[in-house]
Amino acid sequence: MSESTTRCGYVAIVGRPNVGKSTLLNYLLGQKISITSRKPQTTRHQVMGILTEGADQVIFVDTPGMHKDQGKALNRYMNRAASSALADVNLVLFLVDRTRWTEEDDLVLKILADVRAPVALVVNKIDMVEDKRTLLPWAETMMERNSFDALLPVSALRQHNLEQLQTYIRSKMPEAPHFFPEDQITDRSSRFLAAELIREKIVRQLGDELPYTTAVEIESFKQEGKILHIHALIYVERDGQKRIIIGDKGARMRSIGTEARKDMEVAFDTKVMLKLWVKVKSGWSDDDRALRSLGFEDR
């Protein structure tokens, strides 16, 4: 490849819930654009991360975890968002959690059977494998069972083997002009990122107390002088959930707001004034119209 030749392509990161897809994306990009927590289903949308280094531009698509529960409209939306990311990509990274294979991994593998792009099995969290001798025979079994293009053991959190993964990804990118400006890192708006940062703090602080029935809507996003003023609504489905988010004398709400504001100031490189409100919107997670009004749109 000559010095003037550029490469550019799309890489979908897929897997069952809670295997570390968003953490991997953030470390590959070198900055946070996808929210994370220890709770499954933290990621609800496709989030695109753009990495441009020299002649290479890699466009990563982070996806919600694929899962069997299709009961609610929100769950069906997340599975559609994950599956649709596989169309017209140049490479698929199928992320699994160590050697812990589940029925939901089988579900992902079944969906990947129709994908034309090469599929690499990325074994995450290898730093947590107690007996490393078990990795090789398991890997050999997986390669015999499926025609993966490669098998790559990594630890996204500890940043083990990420350089080898990046080298492999770049080798799969076709010669093409760059699709995005060099300094762009995501296709998502600042309003979207602000809403996601607030929801991350809710999931992290209240994941054991609240089910997945919170959503965030940015009502106002205005830069006035050196301060970015953000007003956000947190939607819940019941009055009891509203009380949990507010907390004793508003303590939980203040904690969520403080943590979110700190991340926003880093993300937007400006002083942020954040105001939060909580509103009950009964049944929003199983209402297609409500989901669309909250930004859950097929892309």
Protein backbone atom coordinates (compact mmCIF):
# COMPACT_ATOMS: atom_id res chain seq x y z
CA MET A 1 0.00 0.00 0.00
CA SER A 2 1.42 3.38 -1.02
CA GLU A 3 1.71 6.30 1.39
CA SER A 4 -1.19 8.11 -0.30
CA THR A 5 -3.55 5.12 0.00
CA THR A 6 -6.08 5.26 2.81
CA ARG A 7 -8.04 2.45 4.44
CA CYS A 8 -11.46 2.72 6.00
CA GLY A 9 -14.06 0.22 7.18
CA TYR A 10 -16.77 -0.70 9.67
CA VAL A 11 -16.33 -3.07 12.60
CA ALA A 12 -19.34 -4.36 14.58
CA ILE A 13 -18.75 -5.36 18.21
CA VAL A 14 -21.40 -7.93 19.21
CA GLY A 15 -22.06 -10.37 22.02
CA ARG A 16 -24.46 -11.24 24.79
CA PRO A 17 -25.13 -8.70 27.56
CA ASN A 18 -22.36 -7.70 29.95
CA VAL A 19 -19.31 -9.20 28.19
CA GLY A 20 -17.46 -5.86 28.00
CA LYS A 21 -18.32 -4.53 24.53
CA SER A 22 -18.57 -0.87 25.60
CA THR A 23 -15.44 -1.09 27.76
CA LEU A 24 -13.52 -2.53 24.79
CA LEU A 25 -14.75 0.25 22.49
CA ASN A 26 -13.74 2.98 24.94
CA TYR A 27 -10.23 1.58 25.36
CA LEU A 28 -9.74 1.09 21.61
CA LEU A 29 -10.73 4.73 21.05
CA GLY A 30 -8.73 6.05 23.98
CA GLN A 31 -11.74 7.95 25.33
CA LYS A 32 -15.21 7.32 26.67
CA ILE A 33 -18.14 7.47 24.28
CA SER A 34 -20.09 4.39 25.38
CA ILE A 35 -21.40 4.07 28.94
CA THR A 36 -20.51 1.09 31.09
CA SER A 37 -21.60 -0.64 34.27
CA ARG A 38 -21.53 -4.12 35.75
CA LYS A 39 -25.22 -4.51 34.93
CA PRO A 40 -26.35 -6.28 31.75
CA GLN A 41 -28.25 -4.21 29.17
CA THR A 42 -26.53 -0.94 30.08
CA THR A 43 -26.03 -0.25 26.35
CA ARG A 44 -29.39 0.26 24.61
CA HIS A 45 -28.40 1.91 21.33
CA GLN A 46 -25.93 1.46 18.53
CA VAL A 47 -23.05 3.81 19.34
CA MET A 48 -20.48 4.55 16.65
CA GLY A 49 -16.87 5.26 17.59
CA ILE A 50 -14.43 6.56 15.00
CA LEU A 51 -10.69 5.92 15.30
CA THR A 52 -8.44 7.71 12.79
CA GLU A 53 -4.71 7.05 12.92
CA GLY A 54 -2.63 8.06 9.92
CA ALA A 55 -3.95 6.46 6.75
CA ASP A 56 -6.35 4.17 8.65
CA GLN A 57 -9.87 4.98 9.81
CA VAL A 58 -11.81 2.31 11.71
CA ILE A 59 -15.50 2.90 12.44
CA PHE A 60 -16.59 0.76 15.39
CA VAL A 61 -20.26 0.05 16.06
CA ASP A 62 -20.98 -0.82 19.71
CA THR A 63 -24.25 -2.71 20.10
CA PRO A 64 -26.69 -3.70 22.85
CA GLY A 65 -26.23 -7.24 24.16
CA MET A 66 -28.28 -9.81 22.27
CA HIS A 67 -30.60 -11.71 24.59
CA LYS A 68 -33.45 -14.20 24.45
CA ASP A 69 -36.02 -12.09 26.35
CA GLN A 70 -38.16 -10.48 23.64
CA GLY A 71 -41.02 -9.67 26.01
CA LYS A 72 -40.89 -5.89 26.09
CA ALA A 73 -40.74 -3.39 23.26
CA LEU A 74 -37.42 -2.11 24.67
CA ASN A 75 -35.88 -5.60 24.51
CA ARG A 76 -37.08 -6.10 20.93
CA TYR A 77 -35.61 -2.71 20.00
CA MET A 78 -32.22 -3.63 21.50
CA ASN A 79 -32.06 -6.94 19.62
CA ARG A 80 -32.95 -5.14 16.35
CA ALA A 81 -30.25 -2.52 17.03
CA ALA A 82 -27.66 -5.26 17.57
CA SER A 83 -28.66 -7.34 14.54
CA SER A 84 -28.91 -4.40 12.13
CA ALA A 85 -25.31 -3.39 12.92
CA LEU A 86 -24.15 -6.51 11.08
CA ALA A 87 -25.28 -5.31 7.67
CA ASP A 88 -22.48 -4.14 5.37
CA VAL A 89 -19.66 -4.22 7.93
CA ASN A 90 -16.12 -5.28 7.01
CA LEU A 91 -15.42 -7.19 10.22
CA VAL A 92 -17.33 -8.57 13.21
CA LEU A 93 -15.79 -8.89 16.67
CA PHE A 94 -17.78 -11.52 18.59
CA LEU A 95 -16.95 -10.83 22.22
CA VAL A 96 -17.31 -13.58 24.83
CA ASP A 97 -16.64 -13.63 28.57
CA ARG A 98 -13.65 -15.91 29.14
CA THR A 99 -14.64 -19.55 28.49
CA ARG A 100 -18.13 -19.05 29.94
CA TRP A 101 -20.30 -20.08 26.99
CA THR A 102 -24.07 -19.64 27.45
CA GLU A 103 -27.33 -20.10 25.52
CA GLU A 104 -27.19 -16.40 24.66
CA ASP A 105 -23.74 -16.90 23.09
CA ASP A 106 -25.38 -19.61 20.96
CA LEU A 107 -28.07 -17.09 19.98
CA VAL A 108 -25.41 -14.59 18.82
CA LEU A 109 -23.56 -17.33 16.90
CA LYS A 110 -26.81 -18.30 15.14
CA ILE A 111 -27.35 -14.68 14.03
CA LEU A 112 -23.73 -14.47 12.83
CA ALA A 113 -24.20 -17.52 10.58
CA ASP A 114 -25.68 -15.28 7.86
CA VAL A 115 -23.00 -12.57 8.06
CA ARG A 116 -20.76 -12.22 5.01
CA ALA A 117 -17.93 -10.39 6.82
CA PRO A 118 -15.15 -12.28 8.62
CA VAL A 119 -15.96 -12.96 12.28
CA ALA A 120 -13.23 -12.94 14.94
CA LEU A 121 -13.87 -14.53 18.33
CA VAL A 122 -12.52 -12.11 20.95
CA VAL A 123 -12.16 -13.76 24.36
CA ASN A 124 -12.43 -10.97 26.93
CA LYS A 125 -11.49 -10.84 30.64
CA ILE A 126 -8.64 -13.37 30.26
CA ASP A 127 -6.99 -11.76 33.30
CA MET A 128 -9.78 -13.39 35.36
CA VAL A 129 -9.13 -16.93 34.08
CA GLU A 130 -7.69 -18.77 37.08
CA ASP A 131 -6.08 -21.64 35.17
CA LYS A 132 -4.61 -20.29 31.93
CA ARG A 133 -3.94 -23.86 30.76
CA THR A 134 -7.67 -24.27 30.08
CA LEU A 135 -7.65 -21.50 27.46
CA LEU A 136 -5.79 -23.34 24.69
CA PRO A 137 -7.93 -26.53 24.58
CA TRP A 138 -11.10 -24.42 24.78
CA ALA A 139 -9.86 -22.20 21.96
CA GLU A 140 -9.03 -25.21 19.79
CA THR A 141 -12.52 -26.63 20.38
CA MET A 142 -14.12 -23.32 19.40
CA MET A 143 -12.05 -23.04 16.21
CA GLU A 144 -13.02 -26.60 15.24
CA ARG A 145 -16.69 -25.92 15.93
CA ASN A 146 -16.93 -22.66 14.00
CA SER A 147 -15.11 -21.09 11.09
CA PHE A 148 -13.86 -18.00 12.93
CA ASP A 149 -11.39 -15.85 11.02
CA ALA A 150 -9.29 -15.48 14.17
CA LEU A 151 -9.36 -16.08 17.92
CA LEU A 152 -7.95 -13.27 20.03
CA PRO A 153 -7.68 -13.38 23.86
CA VAL A 154 -7.77 -9.90 25.48
CA SER A 155 -8.60 -8.00 28.63
CA ALA A 156 -10.32 -4.72 27.74
CA LEU A 157 -10.18 -3.44 31.31
CA ARG A 158 -6.50 -4.35 31.87
CA GLN A 159 -5.62 -3.47 28.24
CA HIS A 160 -3.98 -6.86 27.61
CA ASN A 161 -3.33 -7.72 23.95
CA LEU A 162 -5.25 -4.70 22.63
CA GLU A 163 -2.35 -3.75 20.34
CA GLN A 164 -2.49 -7.17 18.68
CA LEU A 165 -6.26 -6.77 18.31
CA GLN A 166 -5.84 -3.34 16.71
CA THR A 167 -3.24 -4.68 14.27
CA TYR A 168 -5.61 -7.46 13.27
CA ILE A 169 -8.53 -5.02 12.82
CA ARG A 170 -6.48 -2.71 10.61
CA SER A 171 -5.38 -5.63 8.44
CA LYS A 172 -9.06 -6.27 7.62
CA MET A 173 -9.88 -2.71 6.55
CA PRO A 174 -10.28 -2.22 2.79
CA GLU A 175 -8.65 0.52 0.75
CA ALA A 176 -11.16 3.38 0.80
CA PRO A 177 -11.36 7.12 1.48
CA HIS A 178 -12.05 8.16 5.07
CA PHE A 179 -15.77 8.59 5.68
CA PHE A 180 -15.45 11.00 8.63
CA PRO A 181 -13.26 14.02 9.49
CA GLU A 182 -10.02 13.17 11.29
CA ASP A 183 -11.12 14.78 14.59
CA GLN A 184 -14.61 13.22 14.78
CA ILE A 185 -14.92 10.39 17.31
CA THR A 186 -18.64 9.52 17.19
CA ASP A 187 -21.76 10.00 15.09
CA ARG A 188 -23.82 10.68 18.21
CA SER A 189 -24.75 14.18 19.34
CA SER A 190 -23.54 15.86 22.53
CA ARG A 191 -27.14 15.77 23.80
CA PHE A 192 -27.20 11.99 23.36
CA LEU A 193 -23.88 11.60 25.20
CA ALA A 194 -25.13 13.82 28.05
CA ALA A 195 -28.27 11.70 28.47
CA GLU A 196 -26.23 8.49 28.43
CA LEU A 197 -23.80 9.78 31.07
CA ILE A 198 -26.71 10.53 33.40
CA ARG A 199 -28.21 7.08 32.80
CA GLU A 200 -24.84 5.46 33.48
CA LYS A 201 -24.74 7.02 36.95
CA ILE A 202 -28.28 5.82 37.67
CA VAL A 203 -27.42 2.26 36.63
CA ARG A 204 -24.16 2.26 38.58
CA GLN A 205 -25.63 3.72 41.77
CA LEU A 206 -29.07 2.07 41.72
CA GLY A 207 -28.66 -1.02 39.56
CA ASP A 208 -29.65 -3.36 42.41
CA GLU A 209 -32.69 -1.30 43.44
CA LEU A 210 -34.14 -0.24 40.10
CA PRO A 211 -35.01 -2.50 37.18
CA TYR A 212 -34.30 -1.26 33.66
CA THR A 213 -37.13 1.25 33.72
CA THR A 214 -35.30 4.56 33.60
CA ALA A 215 -34.73 6.75 30.57
CA VAL A 216 -33.22 10.22 30.24
CA GLU A 217 -34.33 13.08 27.99
CA ILE A 218 -32.30 16.28 27.56
CA GLU A 219 -34.75 19.19 27.61
CA SER A 220 -32.22 22.00 27.26
CA PHE A 221 -28.56 22.10 26.14
CA LYS A 222 -27.19 25.65 25.88
CA GLN A 223 -23.70 27.14 26.03
CA GLU A 224 -23.85 30.54 27.75
CA GLY A 225 -20.42 32.13 27.97
CA LYS A 226 -18.03 29.65 29.57
CA ILE A 227 -20.80 27.50 31.09
CA LEU A 228 -22.82 24.74 29.40
CA HIS A 229 -26.32 24.62 30.91
CA ILE A 230 -28.00 21.20 30.70
CA HIS A 231 -31.54 20.43 31.92
CA ALA A 232 -32.52 16.75 31.93
CA LEU A 233 -35.63 14.70 32.73
CA ILE A 234 -35.26 11.22 34.22
CA TYR A 235 -38.26 9.02 33.39
CA VAL A 236 -39.36 6.16 35.63
CA GLU A 237 -42.46 3.96 35.50
CA ARG A 238 -43.73 4.18 39.10
CA ASP A 239 -43.86 6.61 42.00
CA GLY A 240 -41.78 4.27 44.16
CA GLN A 241 -38.97 4.40 41.61
CA LYS A 242 -39.12 8.20 41.63
CA ARG A 243 -38.61 8.20 45.40
CA ILE A 244 -35.61 5.86 45.05
CA ILE A 245 -33.91 8.15 42.51
CA ILE A 246 -34.54 11.29 44.59
CA GLY A 247 -33.33 9.58 47.77
CA ASP A 248 -33.40 10.88 51.33
CA LYS A 249 -33.78 14.68 51.14
CA GLY A 250 -32.60 14.57 47.52
CA ALA A 251 -29.23 12.99 48.39
CA ARG A 252 -29.26 10.32 45.66
CA MET A 253 -30.29 12.81 42.99
CA ARG A 254 -27.44 15.13 43.99
CA SER A 255 -24.95 12.25 43.86
CA ILE A 256 -26.12 11.20 40.37
CA GLY A 257 -25.95 14.81 39.19
CA THR A 258 -22.48 15.43 40.63
CA GLU A 259 -20.96 12.30 39.06
CA ALA A 260 -22.61 12.95 35.69
CA ARG A 261 -21.51 16.59 35.67
CA LYS A 262 -17.86 15.61 36.28
CA ASP A 263 -17.89 13.28 33.26
CA MET A 264 -19.65 15.88 31.13
CA GLU A 265 -17.01 18.49 31.91
CA VAL A 266 -14.34 16.08 30.66
CA ALA A 267 -16.37 15.04 27.60
CA PHE A 268 -17.36 18.57 26.54
CA ASP A 269 -14.23 20.38 27.82
CA THR A 270 -16.24 23.12 29.53
CA LYS A 271 -17.81 24.02 32.85
CA VAL A 272 -21.26 22.39 33.16
CA MET A 273 -24.33 23.44 35.14
CA LEU A 274 -26.60 20.39 35.33
CA LYS A 275 -30.20 20.36 36.59
CA LEU A 276 -32.17 17.12 36.94
CA TRP A 277 -35.86 16.35 37.39
CA VAL A 278 -37.68 13.00 37.77
CA LYS A 279 -41.00 12.26 36.05
CA VAL A 280 -43.24 9.17 36.14
CA LYS A 281 -44.13 7.90 32.64
CA SER A 282 -45.99 4.65 33.23
CA GLY A 283 -45.20 1.75 30.89
CA TRP A 284 -42.75 3.63 28.65
CA SER A 285 -40.44 0.61 28.19
CA ASP A 286 -43.20 -1.44 26.55
CA ASP A 287 -44.69 1.34 24.42
CA ASP A 288 -43.28 1.74 20.89
CA ARG A 289 -44.54 5.32 20.58
CA ALA A 290 -43.03 6.32 23.92
CA LEU A 291 -39.73 4.69 22.92
CA ARG A 292 -39.62 6.71 19.69
CA SER A 293 -40.30 9.94 21.59
CA LEU A 294 -37.35 9.10 23.87
CA GLY A 295 -34.98 8.61 20.94
CA PHE A 296 -35.19 4.83 20.49
CA GLU A 297 -35.23 4.85 16.69
CA ASP A 298 -33.98 2.18 14.30
CA ARG A 299 -30.90 3.55 12.54
